[in-house]
Amino acid sequence: MNRSSIKQQAKEDIRQNYVPWLVVGLITLSITIFQGYFRLTDSNTILETSARVQVQVRWLNLFEILLLVPFSRLAIHLCTGRFRSIKESLFKNEQWLRDIGALLLVALYTLLWTLLFIIPGIIKGYSYSLVPYILAEDDTISITEAIALSQRLTEGYKWELFVMDWSFILWDLATSLTIGLVGFYAIPYKKATWTRYYLQLSR
């Protein structure tokens, strides 16, 4: 696949509907900032506070998981011209329990592979990376089918997805150096690019 062409398409997607993409960026940045704040608080507090902070971080991680499929659905709608409203894209979902179960299972699988060896964990992470998009598009697919389909779609493309991720390293650094300001564009840009990759692999 042509990475430059996909990125150019992603930029055009953002240009056409920046406000919905901005919502993705704002929420993602807010979660990241709060996670960083609580971890910083944890490193400067006594043991009693540490337990409370860890619970807060885990709740934020769970909230982030809850948003993965809705954000993926919104991104797909924006990239395919099916977008009607933020509310419809984010909340039109009758499979919340399936989605949460699938993403928790993916997180567990990835963790177990990472505990075995770091590199296999990274590889498996990319194997499972399309699960949120698959769930977002198909309300009838099961958890095991979604995971298996993601593995098939990424077969032979995991290195390319890894390189694509690393191509955003300067954007990530710029986001950190500007206290998140660049993230208002960088996060939607990365999400749109991932969505374009998924659409090419799945069609």
C-alpha atoms as a PDB file:
ATOM      1  CA  MET A   1       0.000   0.000   0.000  1.00  0.00           C
ATOM      2  CA  ASN A   2       1.068   3.565  -0.672  1.00  0.00           C
ATOM      3  CA  ARG A   3       1.534   5.180   2.744  1.00  0.00           C
ATOM      4  CA  SER A   4       1.882   8.704   1.333  1.00  0.00           C
ATOM      5  CA  SER A   5      -1.366   8.350  -0.616  1.00  0.00           C
ATOM      6  CA  ILE A   6      -3.225   7.020   2.427  1.00  0.00           C
ATOM      7  CA  LYS A   7      -1.956   9.889   4.573  1.00  0.00           C
ATOM      8  CA  GLN A   8      -3.014  12.388   1.937  1.00  0.00           C
ATOM      9  CA  GLN A   9      -6.502  10.886   1.939  1.00  0.00           C
ATOM     10  CA  ALA A  10      -6.535  11.126   5.752  1.00  0.00           C
ATOM     11  CA  LYS A  11      -5.652  14.824   5.591  1.00  0.00           C
ATOM     12  CA  GLU A  12      -8.492  15.398   3.136  1.00  0.00           C
ATOM     13  CA  ASP A  13     -10.910  13.533   5.424  1.00  0.00           C
ATOM     14  CA  ILE A  14      -9.971  15.847   8.288  1.00  0.00           C
ATOM     15  CA  ARG A  15     -10.210  18.963   6.117  1.00  0.00           C
ATOM     16  CA  GLN A  16     -13.754  18.099   5.061  1.00  0.00           C
ATOM     17  CA  ASN A  17     -15.110  17.437   8.582  1.00  0.00           C
ATOM     18  CA  TYR A  18     -12.714  18.797  11.157  1.00  0.00           C
ATOM     19  CA  VAL A  19     -15.167  19.306  14.036  1.00  0.00           C
ATOM     20  CA  PRO A  20     -16.076  15.591  14.484  1.00  0.00           C
ATOM     21  CA  TRP A  21     -12.387  14.681  14.259  1.00  0.00           C
ATOM     22  CA  LEU A  22     -11.650  17.384  16.839  1.00  0.00           C
ATOM     23  CA  VAL A  23     -14.059  15.680  19.260  1.00  0.00           C
ATOM     24  CA  VAL A  24     -11.945  12.517  18.974  1.00  0.00           C
ATOM     25  CA  GLY A  25      -8.797  14.549  19.596  1.00  0.00           C
ATOM     26  CA  LEU A  26     -10.210  16.432  22.580  1.00  0.00           C
ATOM     27  CA  ILE A  27     -11.483  13.344  24.385  1.00  0.00           C
ATOM     28  CA  THR A  28      -8.318  11.341  23.685  1.00  0.00           C
ATOM     29  CA  LEU A  29      -6.106  14.208  24.863  1.00  0.00           C
ATOM     30  CA  SER A  30      -8.184  14.679  28.002  1.00  0.00           C
ATOM     31  CA  ILE A  31      -7.841  11.011  28.946  1.00  0.00           C
ATOM     32  CA  THR A  32      -4.093  11.079  28.276  1.00  0.00           C
ATOM     33  CA  ILE A  33      -3.601  14.258  30.328  1.00  0.00           C
ATOM     34  CA  PHE A  34      -5.595  12.893  33.284  1.00  0.00           C
ATOM     35  CA  GLN A  35      -3.687   9.598  33.145  1.00  0.00           C
ATOM     36  CA  GLY A  36      -0.397  11.504  33.217  1.00  0.00           C
ATOM     37  CA  TYR A  37      -1.621  13.730  36.045  1.00  0.00           C
ATOM     38  CA  PHE A  38      -2.685  10.817  38.242  1.00  0.00           C
ATOM     39  CA  ARG A  39       0.565   8.954  37.606  1.00  0.00           C
ATOM     40  CA  LEU A  40       2.526  12.097  38.508  1.00  0.00           C
ATOM     41  CA  THR A  41       0.428  12.452  41.638  1.00  0.00           C
ATOM     42  CA  ASP A  42       1.089   8.808  42.451  1.00  0.00           C
ATOM     43  CA  SER A  43       4.856   9.325  42.297  1.00  0.00           C
ATOM     44  CA  ASN A  44       4.656  12.172  44.807  1.00  0.00           C
ATOM     45  CA  THR A  45       2.262  10.775  47.367  1.00  0.00           C
ATOM     46  CA  ILE A  46       2.268   8.269  50.190  1.00  0.00           C
ATOM     47  CA  LEU A  47       1.094   4.651  49.879  1.00  0.00           C
ATOM     48  CA  GLU A  48      -2.522   5.314  50.933  1.00  0.00           C
ATOM     49  CA  THR A  49      -3.029   7.796  48.121  1.00  0.00           C
ATOM     50  CA  SER A  50      -1.207   5.528  45.663  1.00  0.00           C
ATOM     51  CA  ALA A  51      -3.949   2.898  45.780  1.00  0.00           C
ATOM     52  CA  ARG A  52      -6.623   5.517  45.067  1.00  0.00           C
ATOM     53  CA  VAL A  53      -4.643   6.953  42.158  1.00  0.00           C
ATOM     54  CA  GLN A  54      -4.154   3.511  40.612  1.00  0.00           C
ATOM     55  CA  VAL A  55      -7.922   2.948  40.717  1.00  0.00           C
ATOM     56  CA  GLN A  56      -8.478   6.304  38.998  1.00  0.00           C
ATOM     57  CA  VAL A  57      -5.984   5.443  36.243  1.00  0.00           C
ATOM     58  CA  ARG A  58      -7.610   2.054  35.699  1.00  0.00           C
ATOM     59  CA  TRP A  59     -11.040   3.688  35.396  1.00  0.00           C
ATOM     60  CA  LEU A  60      -9.611   6.005  32.760  1.00  0.00           C
ATOM     61  CA  ASN A  61      -8.115   3.025  30.916  1.00  0.00           C
ATOM     62  CA  LEU A  62     -11.531   1.327  30.975  1.00  0.00           C
ATOM     63  CA  PHE A  63     -13.178   4.521  29.695  1.00  0.00           C
ATOM     64  CA  GLU A  64     -10.617   4.600  26.886  1.00  0.00           C
ATOM     65  CA  ILE A  65     -11.510   1.004  25.957  1.00  0.00           C
ATOM     66  CA  LEU A  66     -15.216   1.896  25.965  1.00  0.00           C
ATOM     67  CA  LEU A  67     -14.559   4.593  23.369  1.00  0.00           C
ATOM     68  CA  LEU A  68     -12.420   2.543  20.973  1.00  0.00           C
ATOM     69  CA  VAL A  69     -15.280   1.070  18.945  1.00  0.00           C
ATOM     70  CA  PRO A  70     -17.429   4.267  18.894  1.00  0.00           C
ATOM     71  CA  PHE A  71     -14.405   6.311  17.777  1.00  0.00           C
ATOM     72  CA  SER A  72     -13.662   3.725  15.092  1.00  0.00           C
ATOM     73  CA  ARG A  73     -17.277   3.858  13.875  1.00  0.00           C
ATOM     74  CA  LEU A  74     -17.152   7.649  13.739  1.00  0.00           C
ATOM     75  CA  ALA A  75     -13.880   7.534  11.817  1.00  0.00           C
ATOM     76  CA  ILE A  76     -15.249   4.991   9.320  1.00  0.00           C
ATOM     77  CA  HIS A  77     -18.363   7.103   8.757  1.00  0.00           C
ATOM     78  CA  LEU A  78     -16.229  10.203   8.191  1.00  0.00           C
ATOM     79  CA  CYS A  79     -13.893   8.437   5.756  1.00  0.00           C
ATOM     80  CA  THR A  80     -16.668   6.766   3.765  1.00  0.00           C
ATOM     81  CA  GLY A  81     -19.094   9.672   3.505  1.00  0.00           C
ATOM     82  CA  ARG A  82     -21.662   8.038   5.797  1.00  0.00           C
ATOM     83  CA  PHE A  83     -21.325  10.601   8.577  1.00  0.00           C
ATOM     84  CA  ARG A  84     -24.614  12.182   9.669  1.00  0.00           C
ATOM     85  CA  SER A  85     -24.026  13.270  13.243  1.00  0.00           C
ATOM     86  CA  ILE A  86     -21.598  12.713  16.091  1.00  0.00           C
ATOM     87  CA  LYS A  87     -24.412  11.318  18.233  1.00  0.00           C
ATOM     88  CA  GLU A  88     -25.416   8.716  15.640  1.00  0.00           C
ATOM     89  CA  SER A  89     -21.853   7.563  15.007  1.00  0.00           C
ATOM     90  CA  LEU A  90     -20.778   7.389  18.643  1.00  0.00           C
ATOM     91  CA  PHE A  91     -23.873   6.037  20.342  1.00  0.00           C
ATOM     92  CA  LYS A  92     -25.700   3.958  17.726  1.00  0.00           C
ATOM     93  CA  ASN A  93     -24.527   0.658  19.138  1.00  0.00           C
ATOM     94  CA  GLU A  94     -26.462  -2.320  20.471  1.00  0.00           C
ATOM     95  CA  GLN A  95     -23.392  -4.454  21.174  1.00  0.00           C
ATOM     96  CA  TRP A  96     -21.664  -2.677  24.053  1.00  0.00           C
ATOM     97  CA  LEU A  97     -21.062  -5.850  26.068  1.00  0.00           C
ATOM     98  CA  ARG A  98     -19.653  -7.691  23.046  1.00  0.00           C
ATOM     99  CA  ASP A  99     -17.349  -4.767  22.220  1.00  0.00           C
ATOM    100  CA  ILE A 100     -16.061  -4.400  25.767  1.00  0.00           C
ATOM    101  CA  GLY A 101     -15.553  -8.147  26.077  1.00  0.00           C
ATOM    102  CA  ALA A 102     -13.661  -8.292  22.783  1.00  0.00           C
ATOM    103  CA  LEU A 103     -11.338  -5.419  23.633  1.00  0.00           C
ATOM    104  CA  LEU A 104     -10.634  -6.732  27.130  1.00  0.00           C
ATOM    105  CA  LEU A 105      -9.836 -10.130  25.623  1.00  0.00           C
ATOM    106  CA  VAL A 106      -7.523  -8.503  23.072  1.00  0.00           C
ATOM    107  CA  ALA A 107      -5.795  -6.598  25.870  1.00  0.00           C
ATOM    108  CA  LEU A 108      -5.364  -9.838  27.828  1.00  0.00           C
ATOM    109  CA  TYR A 109      -3.996 -11.738  24.814  1.00  0.00           C
ATOM    110  CA  THR A 110      -1.548  -8.938  24.055  1.00  0.00           C
ATOM    111  CA  LEU A 111      -0.408  -8.776  27.679  1.00  0.00           C
ATOM    112  CA  LEU A 112       0.183 -12.521  27.826  1.00  0.00           C
ATOM    113  CA  TRP A 113       2.223 -12.459  24.611  1.00  0.00           C
ATOM    114  CA  THR A 114       4.203  -9.474  25.916  1.00  0.00           C
ATOM    115  CA  LEU A 115       4.944 -11.282  29.183  1.00  0.00           C
ATOM    116  CA  LEU A 116       6.251 -14.196  27.142  1.00  0.00           C
ATOM    117  CA  PHE A 117       8.493 -12.035  24.937  1.00  0.00           C
ATOM    118  CA  ILE A 118       8.330  -8.327  24.092  1.00  0.00           C
ATOM    119  CA  ILE A 119       8.568  -8.679  20.302  1.00  0.00           C
ATOM    120  CA  PRO A 120       5.817 -11.330  19.958  1.00  0.00           C
ATOM    121  CA  GLY A 121       3.634  -9.050  22.090  1.00  0.00           C
ATOM    122  CA  ILE A 122       4.187  -6.155  19.691  1.00  0.00           C
ATOM    123  CA  ILE A 123       3.487  -8.384  16.674  1.00  0.00           C
ATOM    124  CA  LYS A 124       0.277  -9.712  18.213  1.00  0.00           C
ATOM    125  CA  GLY A 125      -0.746  -6.163  19.100  1.00  0.00           C
ATOM    126  CA  TYR A 126      -0.730  -5.324  15.402  1.00  0.00           C
ATOM    127  CA  SER A 127      -2.506  -8.594  14.586  1.00  0.00           C
ATOM    128  CA  TYR A 128      -5.398  -7.518  16.820  1.00  0.00           C
ATOM    129  CA  SER A 129      -5.250  -3.811  15.912  1.00  0.00           C
ATOM    130  CA  LEU A 130      -8.207  -3.849  13.508  1.00  0.00           C
ATOM    131  CA  VAL A 131     -10.661  -5.465  15.939  1.00  0.00           C
ATOM    132  CA  PRO A 132     -12.305  -2.120  16.946  1.00  0.00           C
ATOM    133  CA  TYR A 133     -12.952  -1.255  13.286  1.00  0.00           C
ATOM    134  CA  ILE A 134     -14.364  -4.704  12.535  1.00  0.00           C
ATOM    135  CA  LEU A 135     -16.703  -4.514  15.530  1.00  0.00           C
ATOM    136  CA  ALA A 136     -17.741  -0.995  14.534  1.00  0.00           C
ATOM    137  CA  GLU A 137     -18.819  -2.134  11.083  1.00  0.00           C
ATOM    138  CA  ASP A 138     -20.485  -5.453  11.902  1.00  0.00           C
ATOM    139  CA  ASP A 139     -23.047  -5.772  14.696  1.00  0.00           C
ATOM    140  CA  THR A 140     -23.469  -9.491  14.053  1.00  0.00           C
ATOM    141  CA  ILE A 141     -19.846 -10.699  14.151  1.00  0.00           C
ATOM    142  CA  SER A 142     -18.748 -12.594  17.247  1.00  0.00           C
ATOM    143  CA  ILE A 143     -15.704 -11.796  19.380  1.00  0.00           C
ATOM    144  CA  THR A 144     -13.684 -14.772  18.143  1.00  0.00           C
ATOM    145  CA  GLU A 145     -14.619 -14.044  14.521  1.00  0.00           C
ATOM    146  CA  ALA A 146     -13.574 -10.394  14.860  1.00  0.00           C
ATOM    147  CA  ILE A 147     -10.189 -11.355  16.336  1.00  0.00           C
ATOM    148  CA  ALA A 148      -9.636 -14.002  13.656  1.00  0.00           C
ATOM    149  CA  LEU A 149     -10.591 -11.564  10.876  1.00  0.00           C
ATOM    150  CA  SER A 150      -8.190  -8.924  12.208  1.00  0.00           C
ATOM    151  CA  GLN A 151      -5.393 -11.490  12.163  1.00  0.00           C
ATOM    152  CA  ARG A 152      -6.211 -12.422   8.553  1.00  0.00           C
ATOM    153  CA  LEU A 153      -6.419  -8.800   7.385  1.00  0.00           C
ATOM    154  CA  THR A 154      -3.082  -7.874   8.955  1.00  0.00           C
ATOM    155  CA  GLU A 155      -1.281 -10.960   7.647  1.00  0.00           C
ATOM    156  CA  GLY A 156       1.724  -9.666   5.721  1.00  0.00           C
ATOM    157  CA  TYR A 157       1.036  -6.050   6.738  1.00  0.00           C
ATOM    158  CA  LYS A 158       2.136  -5.927  10.382  1.00  0.00           C
ATOM    159  CA  TRP A 159       5.548  -4.470   9.550  1.00  0.00           C
ATOM    160  CA  GLU A 160       3.901  -1.842   7.356  1.00  0.00           C
ATOM    161  CA  LEU A 161       1.519  -0.915  10.163  1.00  0.00           C
ATOM    162  CA  PHE A 162       4.474  -0.684  12.555  1.00  0.00           C
ATOM    163  CA  VAL A 163       6.318   1.650  10.172  1.00  0.00           C
ATOM    164  CA  MET A 164       3.169   3.692   9.718  1.00  0.00           C
ATOM    165  CA  ASP A 165       2.875   4.105  13.487  1.00  0.00           C
ATOM    166  CA  TRP A 166       6.509   5.238  13.727  1.00  0.00           C
ATOM    167  CA  SER A 167       5.969   7.758  10.944  1.00  0.00           C
ATOM    168  CA  PHE A 168       3.941   9.757  13.495  1.00  0.00           C
ATOM    169  CA  ILE A 169       6.774   9.980  16.041  1.00  0.00           C
ATOM    170  CA  LEU A 170       7.493  13.639  15.276  1.00  0.00           C
ATOM    171  CA  TRP A 171       3.803  14.458  15.642  1.00  0.00           C
ATOM    172  CA  ASP A 172       3.790  12.687  19.012  1.00  0.00           C
ATOM    173  CA  LEU A 173       6.861  14.633  20.143  1.00  0.00           C
ATOM    174  CA  ALA A 174       5.333  17.907  18.961  1.00  0.00           C
ATOM    175  CA  THR A 175       2.158  17.093  20.893  1.00  0.00           C
ATOM    176  CA  SER A 176       4.186  16.539  24.078  1.00  0.00           C
ATOM    177  CA  LEU A 177       6.288  19.665  23.605  1.00  0.00           C
ATOM    178  CA  THR A 178       3.240  21.874  23.029  1.00  0.00           C
ATOM    179  CA  ILE A 179       1.366  20.466  26.039  1.00  0.00           C
ATOM    180  CA  GLY A 180      -1.145  18.763  23.774  1.00  0.00           C
ATOM    181  CA  LEU A 181      -1.927  21.626  21.397  1.00  0.00           C
ATOM    182  CA  VAL A 182      -0.552  19.895  18.298  1.00  0.00           C
ATOM    183  CA  GLY A 183      -2.599  16.861  19.331  1.00  0.00           C
ATOM    184  CA  PHE A 184      -5.772  18.634  18.213  1.00  0.00           C
ATOM    185  CA  TYR A 185      -4.606  17.847  14.690  1.00  0.00           C
ATOM    186  CA  ALA A 186      -2.140  14.991  15.207  1.00  0.00           C
ATOM    187  CA  ILE A 187      -4.565  12.638  16.968  1.00  0.00           C
ATOM    188  CA  PRO A 188      -7.316  12.958  14.324  1.00  0.00           C
ATOM    189  CA  TYR A 189      -4.663  12.670  11.602  1.00  0.00           C
ATOM    190  CA  LYS A 190      -3.361   9.401  13.043  1.00  0.00           C
ATOM    191  CA  LYS A 191      -6.886   8.036  13.566  1.00  0.00           C
ATOM    192  CA  ALA A 192      -7.896   8.934  10.015  1.00  0.00           C
ATOM    193  CA  THR A 193      -4.757   7.269   8.635  1.00  0.00           C
ATOM    194  CA  TRP A 194      -5.406   4.065  10.593  1.00  0.00           C
ATOM    195  CA  THR A 195      -8.990   4.097   9.338  1.00  0.00           C
ATOM    196  CA  ARG A 196      -7.843   4.458   5.738  1.00  0.00           C
ATOM    197  CA  TYR A 197      -5.480   1.532   6.215  1.00  0.00           C
ATOM    198  CA  TYR A 198      -8.333  -0.561   7.587  1.00  0.00           C
ATOM    199  CA  LEU A 199     -10.629   0.366   4.714  1.00  0.00           C
ATOM    200  CA  GLN A 200      -7.994  -0.634   2.162  1.00  0.00           C
ATOM    201  CA  LEU A 201      -7.244  -3.940   3.885  1.00  0.00           C
ATOM    202  CA  SER A 202     -10.897  -4.888   4.381  1.00  0.00           C
ATOM    203  CA  ARG A 203     -12.246  -4.022   0.916  1.00  0.00           C
END
